[in-house]
Amino acid sequence: MHNSYEAGGEWERDLFIESSSFAASAVVGSGVAKAGVLGIGFLMVATPVGWVGLVVGGAAVASTAAAASLGTNYWVKNNAGHWYDSLLRTLRIK
C-alpha cells in the first residue's frame, strides 16, 4: 500500500483489498478453530488415550483452521477489487 501511495496509485483500493481479506480470513479461521475446540473438548477428561486423541485432534483443528483462513484470504483478495469498484460506482464516487 505504501508503494502504491508513493507511486500515485490507487492505494485506497489496495487498502480495501488487504484489510477485507485480513478481516475475513481472521473471522473464518477463528470460527473454525472455536468449533473444532468445542468438538474435541470432551477428550480432556478422558484417559491417556484421550490425551493422544486431543493432541491429534488439536493438530487437525489447527490445520483445518489454517486452510480455511488461507482459502478465505485467497478468495476475498481475488474478489475485493470488484467489490470496491462496485461500491464506488454505486455511491457514484468514481
PDB file of N, CA and C in Angstrom:
ATOM      1  N   MET A   1       0.808  -1.180   0.000  1.00  0.00           N
ATOM      2  CA  MET A   1       0.000   0.000   0.000  1.00  0.00           C
ATOM      3  C   MET A   1       0.860   1.256   0.000  1.00  0.00           C
ATOM      4  N   HIS A   2       1.909   1.233   0.787  1.00  0.00           N
ATOM      5  CA  HIS A   2       2.789   2.391   0.846  1.00  0.00           C
ATOM      6  C   HIS A   2       3.417   2.650  -0.518  1.00  0.00           C
ATOM      7  N   ASN A   3       3.856   1.589  -1.180  1.00  0.00           N
ATOM      8  CA  ASN A   3       4.448   1.753  -2.508  1.00  0.00           C
ATOM      9  C   ASN A   3       3.424   2.275  -3.505  1.00  0.00           C
ATOM     10  N   SER A   4       2.193   1.810  -3.380  1.00  0.00           N
ATOM     11  CA  SER A   4       1.132   2.295  -4.248  1.00  0.00           C
ATOM     12  C   SER A   4       0.863   3.775  -3.984  1.00  0.00           C
ATOM     13  N   TYR A   5       0.877   4.163  -2.732  1.00  0.00           N
ATOM     14  CA  TYR A   5       0.685   5.570  -2.368  1.00  0.00           C
ATOM     15  C   TYR A   5       1.820   6.424  -2.918  1.00  0.00           C
ATOM     16  N   GLU A   6       3.042   5.965  -2.724  1.00  0.00           N
ATOM     17  CA  GLU A   6       4.206   6.717  -3.198  1.00  0.00           C
ATOM     18  C   GLU A   6       4.217   6.847  -4.721  1.00  0.00           C
ATOM     19  N   ALA A   7       3.711   5.832  -5.416  1.00  0.00           N
ATOM     20  CA  ALA A   7       3.704   5.854  -6.877  1.00  0.00           C
ATOM     21  C   ALA A   7       2.485   6.579  -7.437  1.00  0.00           C
ATOM     22  N   GLY A   8       1.611   7.053  -6.548  1.00  0.00           N
ATOM     23  CA  GLY A   8       0.415   7.754  -7.016  1.00  0.00           C
ATOM     24  C   GLY A   8      -0.672   6.807  -7.490  1.00  0.00           C
ATOM     25  N   GLY A   9      -0.606   5.561  -7.065  1.00  0.00           N
ATOM     26  CA  GLY A   9      -1.593   4.562  -7.468  1.00  0.00           C
ATOM     27  C   GLY A   9      -2.858   4.627  -6.637  1.00  0.00           C
ATOM     28  N   GLU A  10      -3.691   3.613  -6.791  1.00  0.00           N
ATOM     29  CA  GLU A  10      -4.946   3.545  -6.063  1.00  0.00           C
ATOM     30  C   GLU A  10      -4.720   2.858  -4.718  1.00  0.00           C
ATOM     31  N   TRP A  11      -4.085   3.555  -3.813  1.00  0.00           N
ATOM     32  CA  TRP A  11      -3.762   2.955  -2.518  1.00  0.00           C
ATOM     33  C   TRP A  11      -5.009   2.684  -1.691  1.00  0.00           C
ATOM     34  N   GLU A  12      -6.071   3.456  -1.899  1.00  0.00           N
ATOM     35  CA  GLU A  12      -7.309   3.207  -1.162  1.00  0.00           C
ATOM     36  C   GLU A  12      -7.902   1.857  -1.545  1.00  0.00           C
ATOM     37  N   ARG A  13      -7.826   1.539  -2.830  1.00  0.00           N
ATOM     38  CA  ARG A  13      -8.317   0.245  -3.316  1.00  0.00           C
ATOM     39  C   ARG A  13      -7.477  -0.883  -2.732  1.00  0.00           C
ATOM     40  N   ASP A  14      -6.161  -0.697  -2.737  1.00  0.00           N
ATOM     41  CA  ASP A  14      -5.267  -1.702  -2.161  1.00  0.00           C
ATOM     42  C   ASP A  14      -5.540  -1.894  -0.674  1.00  0.00           C
ATOM     43  N   LEU A  15      -5.789  -0.802   0.034  1.00  0.00           N
ATOM     44  CA  LEU A  15      -6.104  -0.878   1.456  1.00  0.00           C
ATOM     45  C   LEU A  15      -7.397  -1.649   1.685  1.00  0.00           C
ATOM     46  N   PHE A  16      -8.401  -1.397   0.860  1.00  0.00           N
ATOM     47  CA  PHE A  16      -9.672  -2.103   0.969  1.00  0.00           C
ATOM     48  C   PHE A  16      -9.476  -3.597   0.744  1.00  0.00           C
ATOM     49  N   ILE A  17      -8.720  -3.948  -0.268  1.00  0.00           N
ATOM     50  CA  ILE A  17      -8.483  -5.361  -0.577  1.00  0.00           C
ATOM     51  C   ILE A  17      -7.746  -6.056   0.558  1.00  0.00           C
ATOM     52  N   GLU A  18      -6.662  -5.465   1.022  1.00  0.00           N
ATOM     53  CA  GLU A  18      -5.854  -6.090   2.071  1.00  0.00           C
ATOM     54  C   GLU A  18      -6.608  -6.186   3.390  1.00  0.00           C
ATOM     55  N   SER A  19      -7.283  -5.115   3.787  1.00  0.00           N
ATOM     56  CA  SER A  19      -7.987  -5.153   5.069  1.00  0.00           C
ATOM     57  C   SER A  19      -9.187  -6.092   5.022  1.00  0.00           C
ATOM     58  N   SER A  20      -9.878  -6.143   3.908  1.00  0.00           N
ATOM     59  CA  SER A  20     -11.013  -7.062   3.772  1.00  0.00           C
ATOM     60  C   SER A  20     -10.565  -8.511   3.837  1.00  0.00           C
ATOM     61  N   SER A  21      -9.495  -8.826   3.138  1.00  0.00           N
ATOM     62  CA  SER A  21      -9.026 -10.215   3.141  1.00  0.00           C
ATOM     63  C   SER A  21      -8.500 -10.612   4.518  1.00  0.00           C
ATOM     64  N   PHE A  22      -7.821  -9.688   5.201  1.00  0.00           N
ATOM     65  CA  PHE A  22      -7.331  -9.985   6.545  1.00  0.00           C
ATOM     66  C   PHE A  22      -8.478 -10.227   7.512  1.00  0.00           C
ATOM     67  N   ALA A  23      -9.456  -9.343   7.494  1.00  0.00           N
ATOM     68  CA  ALA A  23     -10.583  -9.464   8.428  1.00  0.00           C
ATOM     69  C   ALA A  23     -11.382 -10.739   8.172  1.00  0.00           C
ATOM     70  N   ALA A  24     -11.676 -11.017   6.918  1.00  0.00           N
ATOM     71  CA  ALA A  24     -12.460 -12.206   6.597  1.00  0.00           C
ATOM     72  C   ALA A  24     -11.717 -13.486   6.960  1.00  0.00           C
ATOM     73  N   SER A  25     -10.430 -13.546   6.659  1.00  0.00           N
ATOM     74  CA  SER A  25      -9.682 -14.761   6.980  1.00  0.00           C
ATOM     75  C   SER A  25      -9.523 -14.938   8.481  1.00  0.00           C
ATOM     76  N   ALA A  26      -9.395 -13.849   9.223  1.00  0.00           N
ATOM     77  CA  ALA A  26      -9.313 -13.953  10.687  1.00  0.00           C
ATOM     78  C   ALA A  26     -10.619 -14.457  11.277  1.00  0.00           C
ATOM     79  N   VAL A  27     -11.742 -13.955  10.787  1.00  0.00           N
ATOM     80  CA  VAL A  27     -13.048 -14.387  11.293  1.00  0.00           C
ATOM     81  C   VAL A  27     -13.288 -15.861  10.977  1.00  0.00           C
ATOM     82  N   VAL A  28     -13.015 -16.258   9.759  1.00  0.00           N
ATOM     83  CA  VAL A  28     -13.242 -17.652   9.370  1.00  0.00           C
ATOM     84  C   VAL A  28     -12.303 -18.588  10.122  1.00  0.00           C
ATOM     85  N   GLY A  29     -11.030 -18.253  10.186  1.00  0.00           N
ATOM     86  CA  GLY A  29     -10.077 -19.103  10.889  1.00  0.00           C
ATOM     87  C   GLY A  29     -10.398 -19.266  12.356  1.00  0.00           C
ATOM     88  N   SER A  30     -10.767 -18.181  13.016  1.00  0.00           N
ATOM     89  CA  SER A  30     -11.092 -18.280  14.440  1.00  0.00           C
ATOM     90  C   SER A  30     -12.411 -19.019  14.654  1.00  0.00           C
ATOM     91  N   GLY A  31     -13.347 -18.867  13.751  1.00  0.00           N
ATOM     92  CA  GLY A  31     -14.612 -19.605  13.861  1.00  0.00           C
ATOM     93  C   GLY A  31     -14.415 -21.102  13.705  1.00  0.00           C
ATOM     94  N   VAL A  32     -13.599 -21.501  12.745  1.00  0.00           N
ATOM     95  CA  VAL A  32     -13.309 -22.923  12.555  1.00  0.00           C
ATOM     96  C   VAL A  32     -12.557 -23.472  13.760  1.00  0.00           C
ATOM     97  N   ALA A  33     -11.604 -22.730  14.257  1.00  0.00           N
ATOM     98  CA  ALA A  33     -10.844 -23.176  15.422  1.00  0.00           C
ATOM     99  C   ALA A  33     -11.750 -23.312  16.642  1.00  0.00           C
ATOM    100  N   LYS A  34     -12.634 -22.352  16.848  1.00  0.00           N
ATOM    101  CA  LYS A  34     -13.536 -22.397  18.000  1.00  0.00           C
ATOM    102  C   LYS A  34     -14.476 -23.597  17.903  1.00  0.00           C
ATOM    103  N   ALA A  35     -15.003 -23.856  16.721  1.00  0.00           N
ATOM    104  CA  ALA A  35     -15.888 -25.002  16.538  1.00  0.00           C
ATOM    105  C   ALA A  35     -15.134 -26.313  16.764  1.00  0.00           C
ATOM    106  N   GLY A  36     -13.904 -26.377  16.297  1.00  0.00           N
ATOM    107  CA  GLY A  36     -13.109 -27.588  16.477  1.00  0.00           C
ATOM    108  C   GLY A  36     -12.749 -27.836  17.923  1.00  0.00           C
ATOM    109  N   VAL A  37     -12.423 -26.778  18.640  1.00  0.00           N
ATOM    110  CA  VAL A  37     -12.078 -26.923  20.058  1.00  0.00           C
ATOM    111  C   VAL A  37     -13.288 -27.400  20.844  1.00  0.00           C
ATOM    112  N   LEU A  38     -14.453 -26.882  20.525  1.00  0.00           N
ATOM    113  CA  LEU A  38     -15.662 -27.350  21.201  1.00  0.00           C
ATOM    114  C   LEU A  38     -15.933 -28.815  20.887  1.00  0.00           C
ATOM    115  N   GLY A  39     -15.591 -29.215  19.677  1.00  0.00           N
ATOM    116  CA  GLY A  39     -15.821 -30.597  19.261  1.00  0.00           C
ATOM    117  C   GLY A  39     -14.904 -31.605  19.931  1.00  0.00           C
ATOM    118  N   ILE A  40     -13.682 -31.213  20.268  1.00  0.00           N
ATOM    119  CA  ILE A  40     -12.745 -32.169  20.874  1.00  0.00           C
ATOM    120  C   ILE A  40     -12.514 -31.913  22.355  1.00  0.00           C
ATOM    121  N   GLY A  41     -13.204 -30.948  22.912  1.00  0.00           N
ATOM    122  CA  GLY A  41     -13.010 -30.583  24.316  1.00  0.00           C
ATOM    123  C   GLY A  41     -13.310 -31.705  25.293  1.00  0.00           C
ATOM    124  N   PHE A  42     -14.208 -32.611  24.943  1.00  0.00           N
ATOM    125  CA  PHE A  42     -14.547 -33.701  25.850  1.00  0.00           C
ATOM    126  C   PHE A  42     -13.396 -34.679  26.041  1.00  0.00           C
ATOM    127  N   LEU A  43     -12.419 -34.675  25.180  1.00  0.00           N
ATOM    128  CA  LEU A  43     -11.286 -35.597  25.300  1.00  0.00           C
ATOM    129  C   LEU A  43     -10.354 -35.242  26.456  1.00  0.00           C
ATOM    130  N   MET A  44     -10.451 -34.020  26.962  1.00  0.00           N
ATOM    131  CA  MET A  44      -9.550 -33.597  28.035  1.00  0.00           C
ATOM    132  C   MET A  44      -9.781 -34.387  29.318  1.00  0.00           C
ATOM    133  N   VAL A  45     -10.974 -34.859  29.535  1.00  0.00           N
ATOM    134  CA  VAL A  45     -11.260 -35.601  30.766  1.00  0.00           C
ATOM    135  C   VAL A  45     -11.091 -37.104  30.567  1.00  0.00           C
ATOM    136  N   ALA A  46     -10.636 -37.494  29.438  1.00  0.00           N
ATOM    137  CA  ALA A  46     -10.503 -38.911  29.121  1.00  0.00           C
ATOM    138  C   ALA A  46      -9.183 -39.482  29.640  1.00  0.00           C
ATOM    139  N   THR A  47      -8.978 -40.712  29.365  1.00  0.00           N
ATOM    140  CA  THR A  47      -7.769 -41.445  29.755  1.00  0.00           C
ATOM    141  C   THR A  47      -6.578 -40.958  28.935  1.00  0.00           C
ATOM    142  N   PRO A  48      -5.389 -41.500  29.171  1.00  0.00           N
ATOM    143  CA  PRO A  48      -4.238 -41.112  28.347  1.00  0.00           C
ATOM    144  C   PRO A  48      -4.465 -41.304  26.848  1.00  0.00           C
ATOM    145  N   VAL A  49      -5.266 -42.269  26.484  1.00  0.00           N
ATOM    146  CA  VAL A  49      -5.598 -42.441  25.064  1.00  0.00           C
ATOM    147  C   VAL A  49      -6.368 -41.207  24.578  1.00  0.00           C
ATOM    148  N   GLY A  50      -7.215 -40.686  25.453  1.00  0.00           N
ATOM    149  CA  GLY A  50      -7.948 -39.468  25.110  1.00  0.00           C
ATOM    150  C   GLY A  50      -7.027 -38.288  24.911  1.00  0.00           C
ATOM    151  N   TRP A  51      -5.944 -38.240  25.686  1.00  0.00           N
ATOM    152  CA  TRP A  51      -4.977 -37.157  25.523  1.00  0.00           C
ATOM    153  C   TRP A  51      -4.282 -37.243  24.168  1.00  0.00           C
ATOM    154  N   VAL A  52      -4.008 -38.450  23.732  1.00  0.00           N
ATOM    155  CA  VAL A  52      -3.420 -38.624  22.386  1.00  0.00           C
ATOM    156  C   VAL A  52      -4.417 -38.123  21.340  1.00  0.00           C
ATOM    157  N   GLY A  53      -5.681 -38.492  21.537  1.00  0.00           N
ATOM    158  CA  GLY A  53      -6.716 -38.004  20.623  1.00  0.00           C
ATOM    159  C   GLY A  53      -6.838 -36.496  20.648  1.00  0.00           C
ATOM    160  N   LEU A  54      -6.641 -35.929  21.837  1.00  0.00           N
ATOM    161  CA  LEU A  54      -6.693 -34.473  21.961  1.00  0.00           C
ATOM    162  C   LEU A  54      -5.569 -33.813  21.168  1.00  0.00           C
ATOM    163  N   VAL A  55      -4.366 -34.370  21.260  1.00  0.00           N
ATOM    164  CA  VAL A  55      -3.233 -33.805  20.515  1.00  0.00           C
ATOM    165  C   VAL A  55      -3.454 -33.961  19.013  1.00  0.00           C
ATOM    166  N   VAL A  56      -3.863 -35.150  18.584  1.00  0.00           N
ATOM    167  CA  VAL A  56      -4.102 -35.381  17.149  1.00  0.00           C
ATOM    168  C   VAL A  56      -5.272 -34.514  16.667  1.00  0.00           C
ATOM    169  N   GLY A  57      -6.342 -34.465  17.465  1.00  0.00           N
ATOM    170  CA  GLY A  57      -7.486 -33.633  17.095  1.00  0.00           C
ATOM    171  C   GLY A  57      -7.129 -32.159  17.062  1.00  0.00           C
ATOM    172  N   GLY A  58      -6.301 -31.723  18.018  1.00  0.00           N
ATOM    173  CA  GLY A  58      -5.858 -30.331  18.028  1.00  0.00           C
ATOM    174  C   GLY A  58      -5.060 -29.977  16.783  1.00  0.00           C
ATOM    175  N   ALA A  59      -4.194 -30.896  16.368  1.00  0.00           N
ATOM    176  CA  ALA A  59      -3.429 -30.664  15.139  1.00  0.00           C
ATOM    177  C   ALA A  59      -4.362 -30.596  13.930  1.00  0.00           C
ATOM    178  N   ALA A  60      -5.372 -31.452  13.924  1.00  0.00           N
ATOM    179  CA  ALA A  60      -6.332 -31.437  12.813  1.00  0.00           C
ATOM    180  C   ALA A  60      -7.132 -30.140  12.802  1.00  0.00           C
ATOM    181  N   VAL A  61      -7.540 -29.686  13.980  1.00  0.00           N
ATOM    182  CA  VAL A  61      -8.297 -28.426  14.071  1.00  0.00           C
ATOM    183  C   VAL A  61      -7.430 -27.262  13.612  1.00  0.00           C
ATOM    184  N   ALA A  62      -6.182 -27.235  14.066  1.00  0.00           N
ATOM    185  CA  ALA A  62      -5.286 -26.135  13.682  1.00  0.00           C
ATOM    186  C   ALA A  62      -5.039 -26.117  12.178  1.00  0.00           C
ATOM    187  N   SER A  63      -4.820 -27.291  11.594  1.00  0.00           N
ATOM    188  CA  SER A  63      -4.564 -27.318  10.154  1.00  0.00           C
ATOM    189  C   SER A  63      -5.824 -26.975   9.360  1.00  0.00           C
ATOM    190  N   THR A  64      -6.980 -27.404   9.833  1.00  0.00           N
ATOM    191  CA  THR A  64      -8.232 -27.061   9.151  1.00  0.00           C
ATOM    192  C   THR A  64      -8.509 -25.564   9.245  1.00  0.00           C
ATOM    193  N   ALA A  65      -8.277 -24.995  10.419  1.00  0.00           N
ATOM    194  CA  ALA A  65      -8.489 -23.552  10.586  1.00  0.00           C
ATOM    195  C   ALA A  65      -7.530 -22.760   9.701  1.00  0.00           C
ATOM    196  N   ALA A  66      -6.281 -23.207   9.617  1.00  0.00           N
ATOM    197  CA  ALA A  66      -5.307 -22.519   8.764  1.00  0.00           C
ATOM    198  C   ALA A  66      -5.703 -22.615   7.299  1.00  0.00           C
ATOM    199  N   ALA A  67      -6.135 -23.796   6.874  1.00  0.00           N
ATOM    200  CA  ALA A  67      -6.553 -23.971   5.482  1.00  0.00           C
ATOM    201  C   ALA A  67      -7.777 -23.110   5.163  1.00  0.00           C
ATOM    202  N   ALA A  68      -8.737 -23.068   6.078  1.00  0.00           N
ATOM    203  CA  ALA A  68      -9.935 -22.241   5.860  1.00  0.00           C
ATOM    204  C   ALA A  68      -9.562 -20.764   5.799  1.00  0.00           C
ATOM    205  N   SER A  69      -8.658 -20.351   6.665  1.00  0.00           N
ATOM    206  CA  SER A  69      -8.223 -18.959   6.689  1.00  0.00           C
ATOM    207  C   SER A  69      -7.491 -18.586   5.401  1.00  0.00           C
ATOM    208  N   LEU A  70      -6.584 -19.443   4.964  1.00  0.00           N
ATOM    209  CA  LEU A  70      -5.851 -19.166   3.728  1.00  0.00           C
ATOM    210  C   LEU A  70      -6.767 -19.173   2.506  1.00  0.00           C
ATOM    211  N   GLY A  71      -7.714 -20.116   2.474  1.00  0.00           N
ATOM    212  CA  GLY A  71      -8.665 -20.165   1.366  1.00  0.00           C
ATOM    213  C   GLY A  71      -9.541 -18.927   1.313  1.00  0.00           C
ATOM    214  N   THR A  72     -10.003 -18.491   2.483  1.00  0.00           N
ATOM    215  CA  THR A  72     -10.817 -17.269   2.545  1.00  0.00           C
ATOM    216  C   THR A  72     -10.009 -16.063   2.108  1.00  0.00           C
ATOM    217  N   ASN A  73      -8.764 -15.978   2.572  1.00  0.00           N
ATOM    218  CA  ASN A  73      -7.894 -14.870   2.188  1.00  0.00           C
ATOM    219  C   ASN A  73      -7.714 -14.821   0.672  1.00  0.00           C
ATOM    220  N   TYR A  74      -7.469 -15.962   0.061  1.00  0.00           N
ATOM    221  CA  TYR A  74      -7.288 -16.035  -1.390  1.00  0.00           C
ATOM    222  C   TYR A  74      -8.559 -15.593  -2.117  1.00  0.00           C
ATOM    223  N   TRP A  75      -9.710 -16.111  -1.680  1.00  0.00           N
ATOM    224  CA  TRP A  75     -10.967 -15.810  -2.344  1.00  0.00           C
ATOM    225  C   TRP A  75     -11.316 -14.327  -2.217  1.00  0.00           C
ATOM    226  N   VAL A  76     -11.160 -13.771  -1.021  1.00  0.00           N
ATOM    227  CA  VAL A  76     -11.511 -12.362  -0.815  1.00  0.00           C
ATOM    228  C   VAL A  76     -10.554 -11.454  -1.580  1.00  0.00           C
ATOM    229  N   LYS A  77      -9.248 -11.770  -1.582  1.00  0.00           N
ATOM    230  CA  LYS A  77      -8.302 -10.937  -2.337  1.00  0.00           C
ATOM    231  C   LYS A  77      -8.644 -10.910  -3.820  1.00  0.00           C
ATOM    232  N   ASN A  78      -9.119 -12.035  -4.348  1.00  0.00           N
ATOM    233  CA  ASN A  78      -9.451 -12.095  -5.767  1.00  0.00           C
ATOM    234  C   ASN A  78     -10.757 -11.380  -6.100  1.00  0.00           C
ATOM    235  N   ASN A  79     -11.613 -11.151  -5.118  1.00  0.00           N
ATOM    236  CA  ASN A  79     -12.915 -10.543  -5.380  1.00  0.00           C
ATOM    237  C   ASN A  79     -13.092  -9.152  -4.794  1.00  0.00           C
ATOM    238  N   ALA A  80     -12.268  -8.759  -3.851  1.00  0.00           N
ATOM    239  CA  ALA A  80     -12.455  -7.479  -3.160  1.00  0.00           C
ATOM    240  C   ALA A  80     -12.272  -6.281  -4.089  1.00  0.00           C
ATOM    241  N   GLY A  81     -11.419  -6.390  -5.071  1.00  0.00           N
ATOM    242  CA  GLY A  81     -11.250  -5.294  -6.019  1.00  0.00           C
ATOM    243  C   GLY A  81     -12.537  -5.009  -6.774  1.00  0.00           C
ATOM    244  N   HIS A  82     -13.211  -6.066  -7.176  1.00  0.00           N
ATOM    245  CA  HIS A  82     -14.504  -5.915  -7.854  1.00  0.00           C
ATOM    246  C   HIS A  82     -15.531  -5.300  -6.907  1.00  0.00           C
ATOM    247  N   TRP A  83     -15.544  -5.737  -5.646  1.00  0.00           N
ATOM    248  CA  TRP A  83     -16.478  -5.182  -4.665  1.00  0.00           C
ATOM    249  C   TRP A  83     -16.214  -3.694  -4.455  1.00  0.00           C
ATOM    250  N   TYR A  84     -14.949  -3.331  -4.374  1.00  0.00           N
ATOM    251  CA  TYR A  84     -14.577  -1.922  -4.193  1.00  0.00           C
ATOM    252  C   TYR A  84     -15.063  -1.089  -5.370  1.00  0.00           C
ATOM    253  N   ASP A  85     -14.801  -1.573  -6.582  1.00  0.00           N
ATOM    254  CA  ASP A  85     -15.226  -0.849  -7.773  1.00  0.00           C
ATOM    255  C   ASP A  85     -16.745  -0.720  -7.838  1.00  0.00           C
ATOM    256  N   SER A  86     -17.467  -1.795  -7.497  1.00  0.00           N
ATOM    257  CA  SER A  86     -18.937  -1.756  -7.497  1.00  0.00           C
ATOM    258  C   SER A  86     -19.463  -0.787  -6.453  1.00  0.00           C
ATOM    259  N   LEU A  87     -18.830  -0.782  -5.285  1.00  0.00           N
ATOM    260  CA  LEU A  87     -19.244   0.126  -4.234  1.00  0.00           C
ATOM    261  C   LEU A  87     -19.066   1.590  -4.658  1.00  0.00           C
ATOM    262  N   LEU A  88     -17.941   1.884  -5.274  1.00  0.00           N
ATOM    263  CA  LEU A  88     -17.713   3.256  -5.723  1.00  0.00           C
ATOM    264  C   LEU A  88     -18.680   3.658  -6.840  1.00  0.00           C
ATOM    265  N   ARG A  89     -18.975   2.715  -7.731  1.00  0.00           N
ATOM    266  CA  ARG A  89     -19.960   3.008  -8.780  1.00  0.00           C
ATOM    267  C   ARG A  89     -21.337   3.242  -8.180  1.00  0.00           C
ATOM    268  N   THR A  90     -21.706   2.429  -7.191  1.00  0.00           N
ATOM    269  CA  THR A  90     -22.995   2.574  -6.534  1.00  0.00           C
ATOM    270  C   THR A  90     -23.104   3.932  -5.832  1.00  0.00           C
ATOM    271  N   LEU A  91     -22.038   4.313  -5.178  1.00  0.00           N
ATOM    272  CA  LEU A  91     -22.028   5.605  -4.475  1.00  0.00           C
ATOM    273  C   LEU A  91     -21.709   6.763  -5.403  1.00  0.00           C
ATOM    274  N   ARG A  92     -21.406   6.450  -6.669  1.00  0.00           N
ATOM    275  CA  ARG A  92     -21.083   7.433  -7.696  1.00  0.00           C
ATOM    276  C   ARG A  92     -19.903   8.306  -7.305  1.00  0.00           C
ATOM    277  N   ILE A  93     -18.882   7.666  -6.735  1.00  0.00           N
ATOM    278  CA  ILE A  93     -17.678   8.393  -6.335  1.00  0.00           C
ATOM    279  C   ILE A  93     -16.709   8.476  -7.497  1.00  0.00           C
ATOM    280  N   LYS A  94     -16.641   7.455  -8.313  1.00  0.00           N
ATOM    281  CA  LYS A  94     -15.731   7.487  -9.465  1.00  0.00           C
ATOM    282  C   LYS A  94     -16.510   7.303 -10.739  1.00  0.00           C
TER     283      LYS A  94
END
